[in-house]
Structures are given as C-alpha cells and as structure tokens.
C-alpha atoms as a PDB file:
ATOM      1  CA  MET A   1     102.455 104.035 118.511  1.00  0.00           C
ATOM      2  CA  PRO A   2      98.904 105.061 118.792  1.00  0.00           C
ATOM      3  CA  THR A   3      96.560 102.881 120.351  1.00  0.00           C
ATOM      4  CA  PRO A   4      94.481 100.507 117.677  1.00  0.00           C
ATOM      5  CA  GLY A   5      90.678 101.485 117.411  1.00  0.00           C
ATOM      6  CA  SER A   6      88.656 104.186 117.088  1.00  0.00           C
ATOM      7  CA  THR A   7      89.242 106.567 120.300  1.00  0.00           C
ATOM      8  CA  VAL A   8      85.389 107.321 119.659  1.00  0.00           C
ATOM      9  CA  VAL A   9      84.064 104.237 119.927  1.00  0.00           C
ATOM     10  CA  ARG A  10      86.201 103.142 122.895  1.00  0.00           C
ATOM     11  CA  ARG A  11      84.963 106.450 124.651  1.00  0.00           C
ATOM     12  CA  GLN A  12      81.333 105.646 123.925  1.00  0.00           C
ATOM     13  CA  LEU A  13      81.838 101.766 125.281  1.00  0.00           C
ATOM     14  CA  GLY A  14      83.639 103.156 128.478  1.00  0.00           C
ATOM     15  CA  VAL A  15      80.948 105.750 129.226  1.00  0.00           C
ATOM     16  CA  ARG A  16      78.203 102.849 128.542  1.00  0.00           C
ATOM     17  CA  LEU A  17      80.131 100.291 130.831  1.00  0.00           C
ATOM     18  CA  ARG A  18      80.441 103.086 133.608  1.00  0.00           C
ATOM     19  CA  ARG A  19      76.987 103.849 133.533  1.00  0.00           C
ATOM     20  CA  LEU A  20      75.937 100.162 134.000  1.00  0.00           C
ATOM     21  CA  ARG A  21      78.668  99.923 136.462  1.00  0.00           C
ATOM     22  CA  ASN A  22      76.935 102.913 138.469  1.00  0.00           C
ATOM     23  CA  ALA A  23      73.436 101.408 137.900  1.00  0.00           C
ATOM     24  CA  ALA A  24      74.116  98.345 139.339  1.00  0.00           C
ATOM     25  CA  GLY A  25      75.730 100.013 142.172  1.00  0.00           C
ATOM     26  CA  LYS A  26      79.183  98.483 141.660  1.00  0.00           C
ATOM     27  CA  THR A  27      82.262 100.251 142.563  1.00  0.00           C
ATOM     28  CA  GLU A  28      85.736  99.792 141.136  1.00  0.00           C
ATOM     29  CA  ARG A  29      86.602  97.860 144.225  1.00  0.00           C
ATOM     30  CA  ASP A  30      83.825  95.350 143.385  1.00  0.00           C
ATOM     31  CA  VAL A  31      85.047  94.656 139.922  1.00  0.00           C
ATOM     32  CA  GLU A  32      88.684  94.266 141.380  1.00  0.00           C
ATOM     33  CA  GLU A  33      87.657  91.997 143.997  1.00  0.00           C
ATOM     34  CA  ALA A  34      85.678  89.545 141.063  1.00  0.00           C
ATOM     35  CA  SER A  35      88.914  89.255 139.559  1.00  0.00           C
ATOM     36  CA  LEU A  36      87.859  91.085 136.467  1.00  0.00           C
ATOM     37  CA  ALA A  37      90.303  94.038 136.195  1.00  0.00           C
ATOM     38  CA  SER A  38      92.459  96.435 138.380  1.00  0.00           C
ATOM     39  CA  ARG A  39      91.421  99.876 139.285  1.00  0.00           C
ATOM     40  CA  THR A  40      93.735 100.984 136.694  1.00  0.00           C
ATOM     41  CA  LYS A  41      92.463  98.848 133.553  1.00  0.00           C
ATOM     42  CA  LEU A  42      88.880  99.602 134.406  1.00  0.00           C
ATOM     43  CA  TRP A  43      89.930 103.418 134.385  1.00  0.00           C
ATOM     44  CA  LYS A  44      91.477 103.118 131.100  1.00  0.00           C
ATOM     45  CA  ILE A  45      88.307 101.197 129.784  1.00  0.00           C
ATOM     46  CA  GLU A  46      85.825 103.589 131.101  1.00  0.00           C
ATOM     47  CA  THR A  47      87.720 106.440 129.907  1.00  0.00           C
ATOM     48  CA  GLY A  48      88.665 105.232 126.508  1.00  0.00           C
ATOM     49  CA  LYS A  49      92.064 105.020 126.945  1.00  0.00           C
ATOM     50  CA  ALA A  50      92.870 101.430 125.873  1.00  0.00           C
ATOM     51  CA  PRO A  51      91.177  99.002 123.455  1.00  0.00           C
ATOM     52  CA  VAL A  52      88.778  96.494 125.441  1.00  0.00           C
ATOM     53  CA  LYS A  53      88.513  92.921 124.640  1.00  0.00           C
ATOM     54  CA  VAL A  54      85.250  91.321 124.011  1.00  0.00           C
ATOM     55  CA  ALA A  55      85.984  88.754 126.865  1.00  0.00           C
ATOM     56  CA  ASP A  56      86.333  91.904 129.462  1.00  0.00           C
ATOM     57  CA  VAL A  57      83.187  93.367 128.198  1.00  0.00           C
ATOM     58  CA  ARG A  58      80.893  90.348 128.592  1.00  0.00           C
ATOM     59  CA  ALA A  59      82.544  89.753 132.302  1.00  0.00           C
ATOM     60  CA  LEU A  60      81.817  93.267 133.176  1.00  0.00           C
ATOM     61  CA  CYS A  61      78.259  93.225 132.036  1.00  0.00           C
ATOM     62  CA  TRP A  62      77.675  89.846 133.660  1.00  0.00           C
ATOM     63  CA  LEU A  63      78.835  91.786 136.770  1.00  0.00           C
ATOM     64  CA  TYR A  64      76.910  94.325 136.096  1.00  0.00           C
ATOM     65  CA  GLY A  65      73.702  92.303 135.524  1.00  0.00           C
ATOM     66  CA  ALA A  66      73.433  93.508 131.999  1.00  0.00           C
ATOM     67  CA  ASP A  67      70.377  91.667 129.904  1.00  0.00           C
ATOM     68  CA  MET A  68      72.027  89.855 126.763  1.00  0.00           C
ATOM     69  CA  ALA A  69      70.869  92.587 124.106  1.00  0.00           C
ATOM     70  CA  THR A  70      73.167  95.257 125.944  1.00  0.00           C
ATOM     71  CA  THR A  71      75.697  92.603 126.610  1.00  0.00           C
ATOM     72  CA  ASP A  72      75.762  91.698 122.644  1.00  0.00           C
ATOM     73  CA  ALA A  73      75.758  95.368 121.831  1.00  0.00           C
ATOM     74  CA  LEU A  74      78.545  96.432 123.807  1.00  0.00           C
ATOM     75  CA  ALA A  75      80.622  93.461 122.746  1.00  0.00           C
ATOM     76  CA  LYS A  76      79.939  94.343 119.372  1.00  0.00           C
ATOM     77  CA  LEU A  77      81.409  98.090 119.955  1.00  0.00           C
ATOM     78  CA  ALA A  78      84.617  96.263 121.665  1.00  0.00           C
ATOM     79  CA  ARG A  79      84.935  93.941 118.123  1.00  0.00           C
ATOM     80  CA  ARG A  80      84.781  97.159 115.749  1.00  0.00           C
ATOM     81  CA  LYS A  81      87.816  97.959 113.745  1.00  0.00           C
ATOM     82  CA  PRO A  82      89.511 100.915 113.321  1.00  0.00           C
ATOM     83  CA  THR A  83      88.194 102.786 109.778  1.00  0.00           C
ATOM     84  CA  ALA A  84      90.381 104.383 106.954  1.00  0.00           C
ATOM     85  CA  TRP A  85      89.254 107.808 108.461  1.00  0.00           C
ATOM     86  CA  SER A  86      90.132 106.822 112.157  1.00  0.00           C
ATOM     87  CA  SER A  87      94.157 105.906 110.920  1.00  0.00           C
ATOM     88  CA  PHE A  88      93.844 109.227 108.893  1.00  0.00           C
ATOM     89  CA  GLY A  89      97.266 111.249 109.289  1.00  0.00           C
ATOM     90  CA  ARG A  90      98.809 108.397 111.102  1.00  0.00           C
ATOM     91  CA  SER A  91     100.841 107.228 108.092  1.00  0.00           C
ATOM     92  CA  GLY A  92     103.269 109.870 108.493  1.00  0.00           C
ATOM     93  CA  SER A  93     102.348 111.529 104.753  1.00  0.00           C
ATOM     94  CA  ARG A  94     101.402 115.086 104.321  1.00  0.00           C
ATOM     95  CA  CYS A  95      99.424 116.147 101.915  1.00  0.00           C
END
C-alpha cells in the first residue's frame, strides 16, 4: 500500500528539516538523545520516505531553534493532504 501524502511535499519538508538541523549544529544522535526520534525515523523524515506528524515537526523545530514563522510553515507542509494528482494511477484503473 502506498504511503499517504505527496512524495514531493514530504521530500521538501525533509530537506528543510535537515538544513535546519545542520544549521543548528545538531546531529542525528542529538535528536535521538532528546527522545524526539530514532535515527531511523529521522532518516525517513529527512528523506521523505514517510509522512511526518505535525507534532514531530514542531518538536524538531524547537530543538533546532527555528523561529515561529519557520515552524508554522513547516507544520503547514506536514498537514498537507494529497491531491487528486498525487494519487493518479494508484486506483488500479487504466485509461
């Protein structure tokens, strides 16, 4: 079964979160030690392999010291629902 959400949006979100983490000087271990995510979960988030919960985005942004505008923008990306185009071809019907 495909992972819900737009892959493009998940990847964009992951890249932005990774940039924030690197800019803050935080490592994967720092995230794990803060009990926010395992290294595997963080990898899935940063590579867009899995949908991200808004609470996870907000917690990571807090750890990275992101401002409220950035946090809200990234949380908005995490809330985004797939469009009709993102699920095109998944229904099994063919033209």
